[in-house]
Amino acid sequence: MLSRIINKMPWLSSSSTHVPLRVTCSSSATSKRVPKSEESSSPLRTVACSLLAVCTVATASLVIAANQRLPPLSTEPNRCERAFVGNTICQANGVYNKPLDLRFCDYTNEKSNLKGKSVAAALMSDAKFDGADMSEAVMSKAYAVGASFKGTDFSNAVLD
């Protein structure tokens, strides 16, 4: 049944992530075989096992896909300060000469250094921009999953 569900939903297929994935459902801590006569007696157990397997495959696929698409975290010592310079070739289409890696940086209440900067194509996952002034900034094609922008001023900014 699980293979039929996965075939209908190609994004759940483990072949697209190139990682072997095995899900095993068991009704007890010991892995004894259940006789065929008892297997069909609990369709609820089969449905529950199938749903749990689908959730496991979906979650693992998303985590693997996210880890495969992003480059490793920059080891540059001043990588967070690079936001104050921005994307140096100033193209809003995501072209850059060096990746702008602002992941896990904290810009809380930054009122002057981010104003009007181009952070196009920046990697901003899990960064904090709470209360920052990003007015007139260009944040095009940025990857900001999990970033916090509570109270950030985006007046006249370009966000796409």
N, C-alpha and C. Protein backbone atom coordinates (compact mmCIF):
# COMPACT_ATOMS: atom_id res chain seq x y z
N MET A 1 0.81 -1.19 0.00
CA MET A 1 0.00 0.00 0.00
C MET A 1 0.86 1.26 0.00
N LEU A 2 1.94 1.25 0.79
CA LEU A 2 2.83 2.40 0.85
C LEU A 2 3.46 2.69 -0.50
N SER A 3 3.84 1.66 -1.23
CA SER A 3 4.45 1.88 -2.54
C SER A 3 3.46 2.51 -3.51
N ARG A 4 2.17 2.16 -3.39
CA ARG A 4 1.15 2.78 -4.24
C ARG A 4 1.00 4.26 -3.92
N ILE A 5 1.05 4.62 -2.65
CA ILE A 5 0.94 6.02 -2.25
C ILE A 5 2.14 6.80 -2.76
N ILE A 6 3.33 6.26 -2.61
CA ILE A 6 4.55 6.94 -3.05
C ILE A 6 4.57 7.10 -4.56
N ASN A 7 4.10 6.10 -5.30
CA ASN A 7 4.07 6.20 -6.76
C ASN A 7 3.12 7.29 -7.24
N LYS A 8 2.05 7.54 -6.47
CA LYS A 8 1.11 8.60 -6.83
C LYS A 8 1.64 9.98 -6.46
N MET A 9 2.62 10.04 -5.56
CA MET A 9 3.21 11.30 -5.10
C MET A 9 4.71 11.27 -5.36
N PRO A 10 5.16 11.67 -6.55
CA PRO A 10 6.57 11.51 -6.90
C PRO A 10 7.52 12.30 -6.01
N TRP A 11 7.05 13.36 -5.33
CA TRP A 11 7.96 14.12 -4.47
C TRP A 11 8.31 13.34 -3.21
N LEU A 12 7.58 12.24 -2.93
CA LEU A 12 7.92 11.40 -1.79
C LEU A 12 8.88 10.29 -2.15
N SER A 13 9.20 10.16 -3.40
CA SER A 13 10.05 9.06 -3.84
C SER A 13 11.46 9.24 -3.33
N SER A 14 12.03 8.22 -2.71
CA SER A 14 13.39 8.32 -2.20
C SER A 14 14.40 8.28 -3.34
N SER A 15 13.99 7.88 -4.55
CA SER A 15 14.94 7.83 -5.67
C SER A 15 15.33 9.22 -6.12
N SER A 16 14.48 10.24 -5.88
CA SER A 16 14.83 11.59 -6.29
C SER A 16 15.90 12.19 -5.40
N THR A 17 16.07 11.69 -4.18
CA THR A 17 17.10 12.22 -3.29
C THR A 17 18.35 11.35 -3.27
N HIS A 18 18.31 10.22 -3.93
CA HIS A 18 19.45 9.32 -4.04
C HIS A 18 19.92 8.81 -2.69
N VAL A 19 19.01 8.65 -1.76
CA VAL A 19 19.34 8.12 -0.45
C VAL A 19 18.44 6.91 -0.20
N PRO A 20 19.03 5.75 0.09
CA PRO A 20 18.17 4.60 0.36
C PRO A 20 17.40 4.83 1.65
N LEU A 21 16.10 4.61 1.59
CA LEU A 21 15.24 4.88 2.73
C LEU A 21 14.40 3.64 2.98
N ARG A 22 14.43 3.13 4.20
CA ARG A 22 13.68 1.93 4.53
C ARG A 22 12.80 2.21 5.74
N VAL A 23 11.52 1.95 5.59
CA VAL A 23 10.56 2.12 6.67
C VAL A 23 9.97 0.76 6.99
N THR A 24 10.03 0.38 8.27
CA THR A 24 9.50 -0.91 8.69
C THR A 24 8.50 -0.69 9.81
N CYS A 25 7.32 -1.26 9.66
CA CYS A 25 6.30 -1.16 10.70
C CYS A 25 6.20 -2.50 11.41
N SER A 26 6.10 -2.44 12.72
CA SER A 26 5.99 -3.65 13.51
C SER A 26 5.01 -3.40 14.64
N SER A 27 4.24 -4.40 15.01
CA SER A 27 3.25 -4.21 16.06
C SER A 27 3.80 -4.51 17.44
N SER A 28 5.00 -5.03 17.54
CA SER A 28 5.57 -5.31 18.85
C SER A 28 7.06 -5.04 18.82
N ALA A 29 7.66 -5.04 20.00
CA ALA A 29 9.09 -4.76 20.09
C ALA A 29 9.91 -5.89 19.48
N THR A 30 9.41 -7.11 19.56
CA THR A 30 10.11 -8.21 18.91
C THR A 30 9.65 -8.30 17.48
N SER A 31 10.49 -8.73 16.62
CA SER A 31 10.16 -8.78 15.19
C SER A 31 9.70 -10.18 14.79
N LYS A 32 8.70 -10.71 15.50
CA LYS A 32 8.17 -12.02 15.12
C LYS A 32 7.18 -11.88 13.98
N ARG A 33 7.08 -12.88 13.17
CA ARG A 33 6.16 -12.86 12.03
C ARG A 33 4.73 -13.06 12.52
N VAL A 34 3.84 -12.29 11.93
CA VAL A 34 2.41 -12.41 12.25
C VAL A 34 1.79 -13.35 11.22
N PRO A 35 1.04 -14.35 11.67
CA PRO A 35 0.40 -15.26 10.71
C PRO A 35 -0.55 -14.51 9.79
N LYS A 36 -0.70 -15.01 8.57
CA LYS A 36 -1.56 -14.39 7.56
C LYS A 36 -2.98 -14.20 8.07
N SER A 37 -3.49 -15.12 8.86
CA SER A 37 -4.86 -15.01 9.36
C SER A 37 -5.03 -13.80 10.28
N GLU A 38 -3.97 -13.40 11.01
CA GLU A 38 -4.05 -12.27 11.93
C GLU A 38 -3.73 -10.95 11.22
N GLU A 39 -3.01 -11.00 10.09
CA GLU A 39 -2.62 -9.79 9.37
C GLU A 39 -3.83 -8.99 8.92
N SER A 40 -4.82 -9.65 8.39
CA SER A 40 -5.98 -8.97 7.84
C SER A 40 -7.00 -8.60 8.91
N SER A 41 -6.80 -9.05 10.15
CA SER A 41 -7.79 -8.79 11.19
C SER A 41 -7.76 -7.34 11.68
N SER A 42 -6.70 -6.59 11.41
CA SER A 42 -6.62 -5.22 11.91
C SER A 42 -6.28 -4.25 10.78
N PRO A 43 -7.30 -3.86 9.99
CA PRO A 43 -7.02 -2.89 8.92
C PRO A 43 -6.63 -1.52 9.48
N LEU A 44 -7.09 -1.20 10.69
CA LEU A 44 -6.73 0.07 11.30
C LEU A 44 -5.22 0.15 11.55
N ARG A 45 -4.64 -0.97 11.98
CA ARG A 45 -3.20 -1.03 12.22
C ARG A 45 -2.44 -0.82 10.91
N THR A 46 -2.93 -1.37 9.83
CA THR A 46 -2.29 -1.22 8.52
C THR A 46 -2.37 0.22 8.04
N VAL A 47 -3.52 0.86 8.21
CA VAL A 47 -3.69 2.26 7.79
C VAL A 47 -2.79 3.17 8.62
N ALA A 48 -2.76 2.94 9.93
CA ALA A 48 -1.92 3.76 10.82
C ALA A 48 -0.45 3.60 10.46
N CYS A 49 -0.03 2.38 10.20
CA CYS A 49 1.36 2.14 9.82
C CYS A 49 1.68 2.83 8.51
N SER A 50 0.77 2.76 7.55
CA SER A 50 0.99 3.41 6.25
C SER A 50 1.10 4.91 6.39
N LEU A 51 0.23 5.51 7.19
CA LEU A 51 0.28 6.96 7.39
C LEU A 51 1.58 7.39 8.08
N LEU A 52 2.00 6.64 9.07
CA LEU A 52 3.27 6.95 9.74
C LEU A 52 4.45 6.81 8.78
N ALA A 53 4.41 5.81 7.93
CA ALA A 53 5.48 5.62 6.96
C ALA A 53 5.53 6.77 5.96
N VAL A 54 4.36 7.23 5.49
CA VAL A 54 4.32 8.35 4.56
C VAL A 54 4.86 9.61 5.22
N CYS A 55 4.49 9.86 6.47
CA CYS A 55 5.01 11.03 7.19
C CYS A 55 6.52 10.95 7.36
N THR A 56 7.03 9.78 7.66
CA THR A 56 8.47 9.59 7.82
C THR A 56 9.20 9.87 6.52
N VAL A 57 8.70 9.32 5.44
CA VAL A 57 9.34 9.51 4.14
C VAL A 57 9.28 10.97 3.72
N ALA A 58 8.13 11.62 3.93
CA ALA A 58 7.98 13.02 3.54
C ALA A 58 8.93 13.92 4.33
N THR A 59 9.02 13.71 5.63
CA THR A 59 9.89 14.52 6.47
C THR A 59 11.35 14.29 6.10
N ALA A 60 11.75 13.06 5.93
CA ALA A 60 13.14 12.76 5.59
C ALA A 60 13.50 13.34 4.23
N SER A 61 12.58 13.29 3.27
CA SER A 61 12.85 13.83 1.94
C SER A 61 13.06 15.33 1.98
N LEU A 62 12.24 16.04 2.78
CA LEU A 62 12.39 17.49 2.87
C LEU A 62 13.70 17.88 3.52
N VAL A 63 14.09 17.18 4.58
CA VAL A 63 15.35 17.50 5.26
C VAL A 63 16.53 17.22 4.35
N ILE A 64 16.51 16.10 3.66
CA ILE A 64 17.59 15.75 2.75
C ILE A 64 17.67 16.74 1.60
N ALA A 65 16.53 17.12 1.04
CA ALA A 65 16.52 18.07 -0.07
C ALA A 65 17.06 19.43 0.35
N ALA A 66 16.69 19.90 1.53
CA ALA A 66 17.18 21.20 2.00
C ALA A 66 18.69 21.16 2.21
N ASN A 67 19.20 20.06 2.75
CA ASN A 67 20.64 19.97 2.99
C ASN A 67 21.43 19.84 1.70
N GLN A 68 20.84 19.32 0.64
CA GLN A 68 21.56 19.14 -0.61
C GLN A 68 21.62 20.42 -1.42
N ARG A 69 20.70 21.35 -1.23
CA ARG A 69 20.63 22.53 -2.07
C ARG A 69 21.45 23.69 -1.56
N LEU A 70 21.69 23.78 -0.27
CA LEU A 70 22.42 24.90 0.28
C LEU A 70 23.90 24.57 0.42
N PRO A 71 24.75 25.56 0.15
CA PRO A 71 26.18 25.31 0.34
C PRO A 71 26.48 25.24 1.84
N PRO A 72 27.63 24.72 2.20
CA PRO A 72 27.98 24.67 3.62
C PRO A 72 28.11 26.09 4.19
N LEU A 73 27.91 26.22 5.48
CA LEU A 73 28.00 27.50 6.16
C LEU A 73 29.41 28.07 5.99
N SER A 74 29.48 29.33 5.64
CA SER A 74 30.76 29.98 5.41
C SER A 74 31.59 30.01 6.69
N THR A 75 32.88 29.77 6.56
CA THR A 75 33.79 29.82 7.71
C THR A 75 34.50 31.17 7.79
N GLU A 76 34.12 32.08 6.93
CA GLU A 76 34.72 33.42 6.92
C GLU A 76 34.43 34.11 8.26
N PRO A 77 35.45 34.65 8.94
CA PRO A 77 35.23 35.21 10.27
C PRO A 77 34.31 36.43 10.30
N ASN A 78 34.26 37.22 9.24
CA ASN A 78 33.43 38.42 9.23
C ASN A 78 32.24 38.28 8.28
N ARG A 79 31.70 37.08 8.16
CA ARG A 79 30.62 36.85 7.19
C ARG A 79 29.36 37.63 7.56
N CYS A 80 29.09 37.86 8.83
CA CYS A 80 27.90 38.61 9.22
C CYS A 80 28.04 40.10 8.90
N GLU A 81 29.24 40.62 8.96
CA GLU A 81 29.47 42.03 8.64
C GLU A 81 29.36 42.31 7.14
N ARG A 82 29.42 41.27 6.31
CA ARG A 82 29.29 41.46 4.86
C ARG A 82 27.92 41.99 4.47
N ALA A 83 26.92 41.87 5.34
CA ALA A 83 25.59 42.43 5.06
C ALA A 83 25.65 43.95 5.02
N PHE A 84 26.58 44.53 5.76
CA PHE A 84 26.70 45.99 5.80
C PHE A 84 27.27 46.54 4.50
N VAL A 85 27.93 45.69 3.73
CA VAL A 85 28.41 46.08 2.40
C VAL A 85 27.38 45.68 1.35
N GLY A 86 26.80 44.50 1.52
CA GLY A 86 25.78 44.01 0.61
C GLY A 86 26.38 43.28 -0.57
N ASN A 87 25.55 43.05 -1.56
CA ASN A 87 25.97 42.40 -2.80
C ASN A 87 26.75 43.42 -3.62
N THR A 88 28.02 43.20 -3.80
CA THR A 88 28.90 44.24 -4.36
C THR A 88 28.69 44.53 -5.83
N ILE A 89 28.11 43.61 -6.60
CA ILE A 89 27.87 43.93 -8.01
C ILE A 89 26.45 44.43 -8.24
N CYS A 90 25.67 44.56 -7.14
CA CYS A 90 24.36 45.23 -7.13
C CYS A 90 23.40 44.75 -8.20
N GLN A 91 23.26 43.47 -8.38
CA GLN A 91 22.28 42.95 -9.32
C GLN A 91 21.17 42.27 -8.55
N ALA A 92 19.95 42.68 -8.82
CA ALA A 92 18.80 42.14 -8.10
C ALA A 92 18.35 40.78 -8.64
N ASN A 93 19.00 40.28 -9.69
CA ASN A 93 18.58 39.01 -10.26
C ASN A 93 19.26 37.81 -9.60
N GLY A 94 20.00 38.02 -8.53
CA GLY A 94 20.61 36.91 -7.81
C GLY A 94 22.02 36.59 -8.26
N VAL A 95 22.59 37.35 -9.15
CA VAL A 95 23.97 37.11 -9.59
C VAL A 95 24.90 37.77 -8.56
N TYR A 96 25.93 37.07 -8.18
CA TYR A 96 26.88 37.63 -7.22
C TYR A 96 28.28 37.12 -7.52
N ASN A 97 29.27 37.85 -7.04
CA ASN A 97 30.64 37.40 -7.23
C ASN A 97 31.09 36.50 -6.08
N LYS A 98 30.44 36.59 -4.94
CA LYS A 98 30.73 35.74 -3.79
C LYS A 98 29.43 35.59 -3.01
N PRO A 99 29.08 34.37 -2.56
CA PRO A 99 27.82 34.19 -1.84
C PRO A 99 27.76 35.05 -0.58
N LEU A 100 26.61 35.63 -0.36
CA LEU A 100 26.37 36.45 0.83
C LEU A 100 25.71 35.55 1.86
N ASP A 101 26.50 34.96 2.75
CA ASP A 101 26.02 33.98 3.72
C ASP A 101 25.77 34.67 5.05
N LEU A 102 24.49 34.93 5.34
CA LEU A 102 24.10 35.61 6.58
C LEU A 102 23.34 34.67 7.51
N ARG A 103 23.47 33.38 7.29
CA ARG A 103 22.75 32.41 8.10
C ARG A 103 23.19 32.50 9.57
N PHE A 104 22.21 32.47 10.46
CA PHE A 104 22.39 32.50 11.92
C PHE A 104 23.01 33.80 12.43
N CYS A 105 23.06 34.85 11.64
CA CYS A 105 23.58 36.14 12.09
C CYS A 105 22.49 36.89 12.85
N ASP A 106 22.89 37.77 13.76
CA ASP A 106 21.94 38.53 14.56
C ASP A 106 22.09 40.02 14.27
N TYR A 107 21.06 40.60 13.66
CA TYR A 107 21.02 42.03 13.32
C TYR A 107 19.90 42.71 14.10
N THR A 108 19.61 42.26 15.30
CA THR A 108 18.52 42.82 16.10
C THR A 108 18.76 44.30 16.38
N ASN A 109 17.75 45.11 16.09
CA ASN A 109 17.77 46.56 16.31
C ASN A 109 18.89 47.28 15.55
N GLU A 110 19.32 46.75 14.43
CA GLU A 110 20.32 47.41 13.59
C GLU A 110 19.61 48.54 12.85
N LYS A 111 19.92 49.78 13.17
CA LYS A 111 19.16 50.92 12.65
C LYS A 111 19.82 51.65 11.49
N SER A 112 21.10 51.45 11.22
CA SER A 112 21.72 52.26 10.17
C SER A 112 22.48 51.46 9.11
N ASN A 113 23.08 50.36 9.45
CA ASN A 113 23.98 49.67 8.53
C ASN A 113 23.29 48.86 7.44
N LEU A 114 22.02 48.51 7.60
CA LEU A 114 21.32 47.71 6.59
C LEU A 114 20.44 48.55 5.68
N LYS A 115 20.29 49.82 5.98
CA LYS A 115 19.42 50.70 5.21
C LYS A 115 19.98 50.89 3.80
N GLY A 116 19.15 50.57 2.79
CA GLY A 116 19.52 50.77 1.39
C GLY A 116 20.51 49.75 0.84
N LYS A 117 20.79 48.69 1.54
CA LYS A 117 21.77 47.69 1.08
C LYS A 117 21.11 46.69 0.13
N SER A 118 21.91 46.11 -0.73
CA SER A 118 21.45 45.06 -1.63
C SER A 118 21.88 43.72 -1.05
N VAL A 119 20.93 42.97 -0.55
CA VAL A 119 21.21 41.63 -0.05
C VAL A 119 20.54 40.61 -0.96
N ALA A 120 20.61 40.87 -2.25
CA ALA A 120 20.03 39.97 -3.24
C ALA A 120 20.75 38.63 -3.21
N ALA A 121 20.01 37.57 -3.31
CA ALA A 121 20.51 36.20 -3.33
C ALA A 121 21.27 35.84 -2.06
N ALA A 122 20.95 36.51 -0.95
CA ALA A 122 21.61 36.20 0.32
C ALA A 122 21.02 34.94 0.94
N LEU A 123 21.85 34.19 1.62
CA LEU A 123 21.41 33.05 2.41
C LEU A 123 21.17 33.57 3.82
N MET A 124 19.90 33.67 4.22
CA MET A 124 19.54 34.33 5.48
C MET A 124 18.81 33.40 6.44
N SER A 125 18.94 32.10 6.28
CA SER A 125 18.21 31.15 7.12
C SER A 125 18.53 31.37 8.59
N ASP A 126 17.49 31.40 9.40
CA ASP A 126 17.59 31.51 10.86
C ASP A 126 18.35 32.74 11.35
N ALA A 127 18.42 33.78 10.53
CA ALA A 127 19.01 35.05 10.96
C ALA A 127 17.95 35.88 11.67
N LYS A 128 18.38 36.83 12.49
CA LYS A 128 17.45 37.69 13.23
C LYS A 128 17.62 39.13 12.78
N PHE A 129 16.53 39.69 12.27
CA PHE A 129 16.49 41.08 11.81
C PHE A 129 15.44 41.86 12.59
N ASP A 130 15.12 41.42 13.79
CA ASP A 130 14.05 42.03 14.58
C ASP A 130 14.36 43.50 14.88
N GLY A 131 13.44 44.39 14.49
CA GLY A 131 13.59 45.81 14.75
C GLY A 131 14.63 46.51 13.89
N ALA A 132 15.14 45.86 12.87
CA ALA A 132 16.17 46.48 12.02
C ALA A 132 15.53 47.44 11.01
N ASP A 133 16.32 48.38 10.54
CA ASP A 133 15.87 49.31 9.51
C ASP A 133 16.42 48.83 8.17
N MET A 134 15.55 48.21 7.37
CA MET A 134 15.94 47.73 6.05
C MET A 134 15.18 48.52 4.98
N SER A 135 14.92 49.79 5.27
CA SER A 135 14.22 50.62 4.30
C SER A 135 15.11 50.82 3.08
N GLU A 136 14.48 50.81 1.91
CA GLU A 136 15.14 50.96 0.61
C GLU A 136 16.15 49.84 0.31
N ALA A 137 16.09 48.75 1.04
CA ALA A 137 16.98 47.62 0.79
C ALA A 137 16.42 46.77 -0.35
N VAL A 138 17.29 46.03 -1.01
CA VAL A 138 16.89 45.10 -2.07
C VAL A 138 17.16 43.69 -1.55
N MET A 139 16.07 42.94 -1.34
CA MET A 139 16.19 41.58 -0.82
C MET A 139 15.58 40.61 -1.82
N SER A 140 16.01 40.69 -3.06
CA SER A 140 15.47 39.87 -4.12
C SER A 140 16.17 38.52 -4.16
N LYS A 141 15.42 37.47 -4.38
CA LYS A 141 15.94 36.11 -4.51
C LYS A 141 16.71 35.65 -3.26
N ALA A 142 16.36 36.17 -2.11
CA ALA A 142 17.01 35.78 -0.86
C ALA A 142 16.36 34.51 -0.33
N TYR A 143 17.13 33.70 0.37
CA TYR A 143 16.62 32.47 1.00
C TYR A 143 16.61 32.73 2.50
N ALA A 144 15.41 33.01 3.04
CA ALA A 144 15.28 33.43 4.42
C ALA A 144 14.36 32.53 5.24
N VAL A 145 14.42 31.23 5.02
CA VAL A 145 13.58 30.29 5.75
C VAL A 145 13.99 30.30 7.22
N GLY A 146 13.03 30.55 8.09
CA GLY A 146 13.31 30.54 9.53
C GLY A 146 13.88 31.85 10.04
N ALA A 147 14.06 32.84 9.18
CA ALA A 147 14.57 34.14 9.62
C ALA A 147 13.46 34.91 10.32
N SER A 148 13.83 35.80 11.23
CA SER A 148 12.87 36.58 11.98
C SER A 148 12.98 38.05 11.59
N PHE A 149 11.83 38.65 11.22
CA PHE A 149 11.79 40.05 10.79
C PHE A 149 10.75 40.82 11.61
N LYS A 150 10.59 40.53 12.90
CA LYS A 150 9.59 41.19 13.73
C LYS A 150 9.93 42.67 13.89
N GLY A 151 9.02 43.53 13.48
CA GLY A 151 9.21 44.96 13.63
C GLY A 151 10.24 45.57 12.70
N THR A 152 10.63 44.86 11.65
CA THR A 152 11.61 45.38 10.70
C THR A 152 10.95 46.39 9.79
N ASP A 153 11.66 47.50 9.51
CA ASP A 153 11.15 48.56 8.63
C ASP A 153 11.56 48.23 7.20
N PHE A 154 10.57 47.87 6.37
CA PHE A 154 10.82 47.57 4.96
C PHE A 154 10.25 48.65 4.05
N SER A 155 10.15 49.89 4.50
CA SER A 155 9.57 50.92 3.68
C SER A 155 10.44 51.19 2.45
N ASN A 156 9.81 51.23 1.29
CA ASN A 156 10.46 51.44 -0.02
C ASN A 156 11.50 50.37 -0.33
N ALA A 157 11.38 49.20 0.24
CA ALA A 157 12.31 48.11 -0.02
C ALA A 157 11.77 47.24 -1.15
N VAL A 158 12.66 46.50 -1.80
CA VAL A 158 12.28 45.56 -2.86
C VAL A 158 12.42 44.15 -2.28
N LEU A 159 11.29 43.47 -2.15
CA LEU A 159 11.27 42.11 -1.62
C LEU A 159 10.55 41.22 -2.61
N ASP A 160 11.27 40.34 -3.27
CA ASP A 160 10.61 39.39 -4.17
C ASP A 160 11.32 38.06 -4.19
